[in-house]
N, C-alpha and C. Protein backbone atom coordinates (compact mmCIF):
# COMPACT_ATOMS: atom_id res chain seq x y z
N MET A 1 79.30 112.73 79.15
CA MET A 1 79.70 111.36 78.91
C MET A 1 81.15 111.15 79.29
N HIS A 2 82.05 111.98 78.79
CA HIS A 2 83.47 111.80 79.08
C HIS A 2 83.85 112.35 80.45
N GLY A 3 82.99 113.19 81.02
CA GLY A 3 83.28 113.74 82.33
C GLY A 3 83.41 112.66 83.39
N HIS A 4 82.54 111.67 83.32
CA HIS A 4 82.57 110.55 84.28
C HIS A 4 83.89 109.80 84.16
N ILE A 5 84.34 109.59 82.93
CA ILE A 5 85.61 108.89 82.70
C ILE A 5 86.76 109.68 83.29
N LEU A 6 86.75 110.99 83.06
CA LEU A 6 87.82 111.83 83.60
C LEU A 6 87.81 111.82 85.13
N ARG A 7 86.63 111.84 85.73
CA ARG A 7 86.55 111.80 87.19
C ARG A 7 87.09 110.47 87.73
N GLN A 8 86.69 109.36 87.12
CA GLN A 8 87.19 108.06 87.56
C GLN A 8 88.71 108.00 87.46
N LEU A 9 89.24 108.49 86.36
CA LEU A 9 90.68 108.47 86.15
C LEU A 9 91.39 109.37 87.17
N ARG A 10 90.85 110.56 87.39
CA ARG A 10 91.45 111.48 88.36
C ARG A 10 91.45 110.86 89.75
N GLU A 11 90.33 110.25 90.15
CA GLU A 11 90.25 109.63 91.46
C GLU A 11 91.19 108.43 91.57
N ALA A 12 91.30 107.66 90.50
CA ALA A 12 92.19 106.50 90.50
C ALA A 12 93.65 106.92 90.65
N LYS A 13 93.96 108.10 90.15
CA LYS A 13 95.33 108.61 90.26
C LYS A 13 95.55 109.36 91.57
N GLY A 14 94.49 109.50 92.37
CA GLY A 14 94.62 110.16 93.68
C GLY A 14 94.84 111.66 93.59
N ARG A 15 94.31 112.29 92.56
CA ARG A 15 94.50 113.73 92.36
C ARG A 15 93.23 114.48 92.73
N SER A 16 93.40 115.66 93.28
CA SER A 16 92.24 116.48 93.64
C SER A 16 91.74 117.24 92.42
N GLN A 17 90.47 117.65 92.47
CA GLN A 17 89.91 118.45 91.38
C GLN A 17 90.68 119.74 91.22
N ALA A 18 90.98 120.39 92.33
CA ALA A 18 91.67 121.68 92.28
C ALA A 18 93.04 121.54 91.64
N ASP A 19 93.77 120.51 92.00
CA ASP A 19 95.11 120.28 91.46
C ASP A 19 95.06 120.04 89.95
N VAL A 20 94.18 119.16 89.53
CA VAL A 20 94.07 118.83 88.10
C VAL A 20 93.58 120.05 87.32
N ALA A 21 92.59 120.75 87.85
CA ALA A 21 92.05 121.92 87.15
C ALA A 21 93.12 122.98 86.94
N ARG A 22 93.85 123.31 88.00
CA ARG A 22 94.91 124.32 87.87
C ARG A 22 95.96 123.90 86.84
N SER A 23 96.36 122.64 86.90
CA SER A 23 97.36 122.14 85.96
C SER A 23 96.86 122.14 84.53
N ALA A 24 95.55 121.98 84.34
CA ALA A 24 94.97 121.94 82.99
C ALA A 24 94.57 123.33 82.50
N GLY A 25 94.69 124.33 83.36
CA GLY A 25 94.37 125.69 82.94
C GLY A 25 92.90 126.04 82.98
N ILE A 26 92.13 125.34 83.83
CA ILE A 26 90.72 125.67 84.01
C ILE A 26 90.46 125.81 85.51
N SER A 27 89.30 126.33 85.84
CA SER A 27 88.99 126.50 87.26
C SER A 27 88.48 125.18 87.84
N PRO A 28 88.63 125.00 89.16
CA PRO A 28 88.08 123.80 89.81
C PRO A 28 86.58 123.68 89.60
N ALA A 29 85.86 124.80 89.57
CA ALA A 29 84.41 124.76 89.34
C ALA A 29 84.11 124.24 87.94
N GLN A 30 84.91 124.66 86.95
CA GLN A 30 84.71 124.16 85.58
C GLN A 30 84.94 122.65 85.53
N LEU A 31 85.99 122.18 86.18
CA LEU A 31 86.28 120.75 86.18
C LEU A 31 85.16 119.98 86.88
N ALA A 32 84.65 120.53 87.97
CA ALA A 32 83.55 119.87 88.67
C ALA A 32 82.33 119.74 87.76
N ARG A 33 82.02 120.80 87.00
CA ARG A 33 80.89 120.74 86.07
C ARG A 33 81.16 119.76 84.93
N LEU A 34 82.40 119.72 84.45
CA LEU A 34 82.76 118.77 83.38
C LEU A 34 82.58 117.34 83.87
N GLU A 35 83.09 117.05 85.06
CA GLU A 35 83.01 115.70 85.60
C GLU A 35 81.58 115.28 85.86
N ALA A 36 80.71 116.23 86.14
CA ALA A 36 79.29 115.94 86.38
C ALA A 36 78.48 115.99 85.09
N ASN A 37 79.17 116.20 83.96
CA ASN A 37 78.53 116.32 82.65
C ASN A 37 77.48 117.43 82.63
N GLN A 38 77.75 118.50 83.38
CA GLN A 38 76.86 119.66 83.41
C GLN A 38 77.35 120.75 82.48
N ARG A 39 78.46 120.52 81.83
CA ARG A 39 79.04 121.50 80.92
C ARG A 39 79.62 120.73 79.74
N GLY A 40 79.54 121.32 78.57
CA GLY A 40 80.14 120.69 77.39
C GLY A 40 81.65 120.60 77.55
N LEU A 41 82.21 119.57 76.97
CA LEU A 41 83.64 119.34 77.09
C LEU A 41 84.31 119.73 75.77
N TYR A 42 85.13 120.75 75.81
CA TYR A 42 85.87 121.16 74.62
C TYR A 42 87.04 120.21 74.40
N VAL A 43 87.38 119.98 73.15
CA VAL A 43 88.47 119.08 72.83
C VAL A 43 89.76 119.54 73.51
N GLU A 44 90.01 120.82 73.49
CA GLU A 44 91.24 121.34 74.11
C GLU A 44 91.28 121.02 75.61
N ASP A 45 90.16 121.21 76.29
CA ASP A 45 90.11 120.89 77.72
C ASP A 45 90.32 119.39 77.96
N PHE A 46 89.67 118.56 77.13
CA PHE A 46 89.81 117.11 77.26
C PHE A 46 91.26 116.69 77.09
N VAL A 47 91.92 117.22 76.07
CA VAL A 47 93.33 116.90 75.81
C VAL A 47 94.21 117.36 76.98
N ASN A 48 93.97 118.57 77.47
CA ASN A 48 94.77 119.10 78.59
C ASN A 48 94.57 118.28 79.86
N ILE A 49 93.34 117.94 80.17
CA ILE A 49 93.06 117.17 81.39
C ILE A 49 93.67 115.77 81.28
N ALA A 50 93.52 115.15 80.13
CA ALA A 50 94.11 113.82 79.93
C ALA A 50 95.62 113.88 80.11
N ALA A 51 96.25 114.90 79.55
CA ALA A 51 97.71 115.04 79.68
C ALA A 51 98.12 115.24 81.13
N VAL A 52 97.38 116.06 81.85
CA VAL A 52 97.68 116.30 83.27
C VAL A 52 97.59 114.98 84.05
N LEU A 53 96.67 114.12 83.64
CA LEU A 53 96.49 112.84 84.31
C LEU A 53 97.43 111.75 83.76
N GLY A 54 98.29 112.15 82.83
CA GLY A 54 99.28 111.22 82.30
C GLY A 54 98.74 110.22 81.30
N GLU A 55 97.68 110.58 80.61
CA GLU A 55 97.06 109.68 79.64
C GLU A 55 97.05 110.32 78.27
N LYS A 56 97.06 109.47 77.25
CA LYS A 56 96.84 109.93 75.89
C LYS A 56 95.33 110.05 75.70
N PRO A 57 94.85 111.15 75.16
CA PRO A 57 93.41 111.32 74.99
C PRO A 57 92.77 110.17 74.21
N GLY A 58 93.46 109.65 73.22
CA GLY A 58 92.92 108.56 72.43
C GLY A 58 92.64 107.30 73.23
N ASN A 59 93.36 107.11 74.33
CA ASN A 59 93.13 105.95 75.18
C ASN A 59 91.81 106.05 75.94
N LEU A 60 91.26 107.24 76.01
CA LEU A 60 90.04 107.46 76.79
C LEU A 60 88.79 107.56 75.91
N LEU A 61 88.96 107.38 74.62
CA LEU A 61 87.85 107.49 73.68
C LEU A 61 87.49 106.13 73.10
N PRO A 62 86.27 105.98 72.61
CA PRO A 62 85.92 104.72 71.95
C PRO A 62 86.89 104.44 70.80
N ASN A 63 87.22 103.18 70.61
CA ASN A 63 88.13 102.80 69.53
C ASN A 63 87.67 101.48 68.94
N ASP A 64 88.54 100.82 68.19
CA ASP A 64 88.14 99.58 67.54
C ASP A 64 87.84 98.46 68.54
N LEU A 65 88.25 98.63 69.79
CA LEU A 65 87.93 97.65 70.82
C LEU A 65 86.57 97.93 71.47
N GLY A 66 85.99 99.08 71.14
CA GLY A 66 84.72 99.46 71.74
C GLY A 66 84.93 100.57 72.75
N ASP A 67 83.88 100.92 73.43
CA ASP A 67 83.93 102.00 74.42
C ASP A 67 84.40 101.43 75.75
N ILE A 68 85.71 101.43 75.95
CA ILE A 68 86.27 100.82 77.16
C ILE A 68 86.98 101.82 78.06
N ALA A 69 86.83 103.09 77.77
CA ALA A 69 87.54 104.10 78.55
C ALA A 69 87.19 104.02 80.03
N HIS A 70 85.96 103.65 80.36
CA HIS A 70 85.56 103.57 81.77
C HIS A 70 86.35 102.49 82.52
N LEU A 71 87.02 101.59 81.79
CA LEU A 71 87.80 100.54 82.43
C LEU A 71 89.24 100.97 82.73
N LYS A 72 89.65 102.13 82.26
CA LYS A 72 91.04 102.56 82.43
C LYS A 72 91.49 102.57 83.88
N PRO A 73 90.73 103.10 84.83
CA PRO A 73 91.18 103.05 86.23
C PRO A 73 91.36 101.61 86.73
N LEU A 74 90.47 100.72 86.34
CA LEU A 74 90.60 99.32 86.74
C LEU A 74 91.84 98.69 86.11
N ILE A 75 92.07 98.98 84.85
CA ILE A 75 93.26 98.46 84.17
C ILE A 75 94.52 98.97 84.85
N ASP A 76 94.53 100.24 85.19
CA ASP A 76 95.69 100.80 85.90
C ASP A 76 95.91 100.09 87.23
N ARG A 77 94.84 99.79 87.94
CA ARG A 77 94.96 99.09 89.22
C ARG A 77 95.46 97.67 89.03
N LEU A 78 94.95 96.99 88.02
CA LEU A 78 95.39 95.63 87.74
C LEU A 78 96.86 95.59 87.34
N ALA A 79 97.34 96.65 86.72
CA ALA A 79 98.75 96.70 86.30
C ALA A 79 99.70 96.70 87.49
N THR A 80 99.22 97.02 88.67
CA THR A 80 100.09 97.07 89.85
C THR A 80 100.15 95.73 90.59
N ILE A 81 99.36 94.75 90.15
CA ILE A 81 99.31 93.46 90.84
C ILE A 81 100.53 92.64 90.47
N ARG A 82 101.08 91.95 91.46
CA ARG A 82 102.26 91.10 91.22
C ARG A 82 101.93 90.03 90.19
N PRO A 83 102.84 89.75 89.26
CA PRO A 83 102.59 88.78 88.19
C PRO A 83 102.18 87.40 88.68
N GLU A 84 102.71 86.94 89.79
CA GLU A 84 102.37 85.60 90.26
C GLU A 84 100.93 85.51 90.76
N VAL A 85 100.29 86.62 91.01
CA VAL A 85 98.91 86.63 91.50
C VAL A 85 97.91 86.80 90.34
N LEU A 86 98.38 87.25 89.19
CA LEU A 86 97.48 87.54 88.07
C LEU A 86 96.60 86.36 87.62
N PRO A 87 97.11 85.13 87.55
CA PRO A 87 96.21 84.04 87.15
C PRO A 87 95.01 83.88 88.09
N ARG A 88 95.25 84.06 89.37
CA ARG A 88 94.16 83.96 90.35
C ARG A 88 93.17 85.10 90.17
N VAL A 89 93.68 86.31 89.95
CA VAL A 89 92.82 87.47 89.73
C VAL A 89 92.01 87.29 88.45
N ALA A 90 92.65 86.78 87.40
CA ALA A 90 91.95 86.55 86.13
C ALA A 90 90.82 85.54 86.32
N ALA A 91 91.06 84.49 87.09
CA ALA A 91 90.02 83.48 87.34
C ALA A 91 88.85 84.09 88.11
N ILE A 92 89.14 84.93 89.07
CA ILE A 92 88.08 85.59 89.85
C ILE A 92 87.26 86.51 88.95
N ILE A 93 87.95 87.28 88.12
CA ILE A 93 87.25 88.20 87.22
C ILE A 93 86.39 87.42 86.24
N GLU A 94 86.91 86.33 85.70
CA GLU A 94 86.13 85.51 84.78
C GLU A 94 84.87 84.97 85.47
N GLY A 95 85.01 84.55 86.72
CA GLY A 95 83.85 84.08 87.47
C GLY A 95 82.82 85.17 87.66
N ILE A 96 83.27 86.37 87.95
CA ILE A 96 82.36 87.51 88.12
C ILE A 96 81.65 87.82 86.81
N VAL A 97 82.40 87.81 85.71
CA VAL A 97 81.79 88.08 84.40
C VAL A 97 80.71 87.05 84.09
N MET A 98 81.02 85.78 84.31
CA MET A 98 80.04 84.73 84.03
C MET A 98 78.81 84.88 84.92
N LEU A 99 79.02 85.20 86.19
CA LEU A 99 77.88 85.39 87.09
C LEU A 99 77.04 86.58 86.65
N THR A 100 77.69 87.64 86.23
CA THR A 100 76.98 88.83 85.77
C THR A 100 76.17 88.53 84.53
N GLU A 101 76.79 87.83 83.57
CA GLU A 101 76.07 87.46 82.36
C GLU A 101 74.88 86.56 82.68
N ASP A 102 75.10 85.62 83.58
CA ASP A 102 74.02 84.72 83.98
C ASP A 102 72.89 85.49 84.66
N ALA A 103 73.25 86.43 85.52
CA ALA A 103 72.24 87.18 86.27
C ALA A 103 71.43 88.08 85.35
N THR A 104 72.05 88.62 84.32
CA THR A 104 71.31 89.50 83.42
C THR A 104 70.53 88.73 82.37
N ALA A 105 70.88 87.47 82.15
CA ALA A 105 70.20 86.66 81.15
C ALA A 105 68.77 86.33 81.59
N ALA A 106 68.58 86.09 82.85
CA ALA A 106 67.25 85.76 83.37
C ALA A 106 67.17 86.15 84.83
N GLU A 107 65.98 86.50 85.27
CA GLU A 107 65.84 86.88 86.66
C GLU A 107 66.04 85.69 87.59
N LEU A 108 65.50 84.55 87.23
CA LEU A 108 65.69 83.35 88.03
C LEU A 108 66.68 82.44 87.31
N PRO A 109 67.73 82.03 88.01
CA PRO A 109 68.71 81.18 87.34
C PRO A 109 68.14 79.81 86.98
N SER A 110 68.52 79.33 85.81
CA SER A 110 68.11 78.01 85.38
C SER A 110 68.94 76.97 86.13
N GLN A 111 68.57 75.72 85.96
CA GLN A 111 69.33 74.64 86.61
C GLN A 111 70.78 74.66 86.13
N LYS A 112 70.99 74.91 84.84
CA LYS A 112 72.33 74.96 84.27
C LYS A 112 73.13 76.11 84.90
N GLN A 113 72.48 77.26 85.07
CA GLN A 113 73.15 78.41 85.68
C GLN A 113 73.48 78.15 87.14
N ARG A 114 72.56 77.51 87.86
CA ARG A 114 72.84 77.20 89.26
C ARG A 114 74.01 76.23 89.37
N LYS A 115 74.07 75.28 88.44
CA LYS A 115 75.18 74.31 88.43
C LYS A 115 76.50 75.04 88.15
N ARG A 116 76.48 75.97 87.20
CA ARG A 116 77.68 76.74 86.88
C ARG A 116 78.11 77.58 88.09
N LEU A 117 77.16 78.19 88.76
CA LEU A 117 77.46 78.99 89.94
C LEU A 117 78.09 78.13 91.03
N ARG A 118 77.52 76.94 91.26
CA ARG A 118 78.10 76.03 92.26
C ARG A 118 79.51 75.63 91.86
N SER A 119 79.72 75.39 90.57
CA SER A 119 81.03 75.00 90.07
C SER A 119 82.06 76.11 90.30
N ILE A 120 81.68 77.33 89.98
CA ILE A 120 82.59 78.47 90.17
C ILE A 120 82.88 78.67 91.64
N THR A 121 81.83 78.61 92.47
CA THR A 121 81.99 78.79 93.91
C THR A 121 82.90 77.71 94.49
N SER A 122 82.71 76.47 94.04
CA SER A 122 83.56 75.37 94.51
C SER A 122 85.01 75.56 94.09
N ALA A 123 85.21 76.01 92.85
CA ALA A 123 86.57 76.22 92.36
C ALA A 123 87.28 77.30 93.17
N ILE A 124 86.55 78.37 93.46
CA ILE A 124 87.15 79.44 94.27
C ILE A 124 87.45 78.94 95.67
N ALA A 125 86.54 78.16 96.24
CA ALA A 125 86.75 77.63 97.60
C ALA A 125 87.95 76.68 97.62
N ARG A 126 88.08 75.85 96.57
CA ARG A 126 89.24 74.94 96.50
C ARG A 126 90.54 75.73 96.42
N ARG A 127 90.53 76.77 95.61
CA ARG A 127 91.74 77.60 95.50
C ARG A 127 92.08 78.23 96.84
N LYS A 128 91.04 78.68 97.51
CA LYS A 128 91.24 79.32 98.81
C LYS A 128 91.83 78.32 99.80
N GLY A 129 91.28 77.14 99.83
CA GLY A 129 91.73 76.12 100.78
C GLY A 129 93.11 75.59 100.46
N SER A 130 93.46 75.48 99.19
CA SER A 130 94.75 74.90 98.83
C SER A 130 95.89 75.91 98.88
N ASP A 131 95.57 77.15 99.06
CA ASP A 131 96.61 78.18 99.01
C ASP A 131 96.68 78.94 100.34
N THR A 132 96.82 78.20 101.43
CA THR A 132 96.82 78.84 102.75
C THR A 132 98.07 79.67 102.99
N GLN A 133 99.16 79.36 102.33
CA GLN A 133 100.39 80.10 102.54
C GLN A 133 100.26 81.55 102.10
N GLU A 134 99.46 81.79 101.07
CA GLU A 134 99.33 83.16 100.56
C GLU A 134 98.06 83.85 101.04
N SER A 135 97.36 83.24 101.98
CA SER A 135 96.08 83.82 102.40
C SER A 135 96.26 85.21 103.00
N THR A 136 97.32 85.41 103.75
CA THR A 136 97.56 86.72 104.35
C THR A 136 97.81 87.75 103.26
N ARG A 137 98.64 87.40 102.29
CA ARG A 137 98.92 88.32 101.19
C ARG A 137 97.67 88.60 100.38
N ARG A 138 96.83 87.60 100.16
CA ARG A 138 95.62 87.76 99.37
C ARG A 138 94.68 88.77 100.02
N ARG A 139 94.59 88.74 101.34
CA ARG A 139 93.70 89.67 102.04
C ARG A 139 94.14 91.10 101.84
N SER A 140 95.43 91.33 101.64
CA SER A 140 95.92 92.70 101.51
C SER A 140 95.74 93.23 100.09
N ILE A 141 95.38 92.36 99.13
CA ILE A 141 95.19 92.80 97.76
C ILE A 141 93.77 93.31 97.61
N THR A 142 93.63 94.51 97.08
CA THR A 142 92.32 95.04 96.82
C THR A 142 92.18 95.30 95.33
N ILE A 143 91.00 95.04 94.82
CA ILE A 143 90.74 95.25 93.40
C ILE A 143 89.72 96.35 93.25
C-alpha cells in the first residue's frame, strides 16, 4: 500500500531507485519490491526512505484529512506554479473534479450534467480566448 506512495514521491523528486535505496540503507532490489508492494514495509525502512526523499513520514500516512498521501507528488508540483497562475489552475482542477464526480455518478449524463459540462467547457474556452497574452506561457505549464 505505501510502496506505491513512495514510488510516486521518488519519481516526482526525480530520484533513481538505486540512489534512494543506498541513501536509505537498503538494496535497490529491496526498494523495488517495496515499491511494488511485494515485500512488507518495516517502519524503520519507511522512515528512512521518507527522510531520504525529504519528507516527514507522517505526511505520507492517513491522517485527520483522510488518506491523501498519494496526492503528495501533485501537491509538490502545484507548489512550483507561479502565484498569478494559481486561480486558473484551481478553476481547471475544480472543473475536472466536477466532471469526474458527474461521470462516476451515472454512466449516461443527465440533462443537468450535460448543461454543467457545457457551462464548464464554455468558461474554460472564454478564459482561453480572453487571455491570449499568456497563451504561450500557459502551454509551457504542465500539471
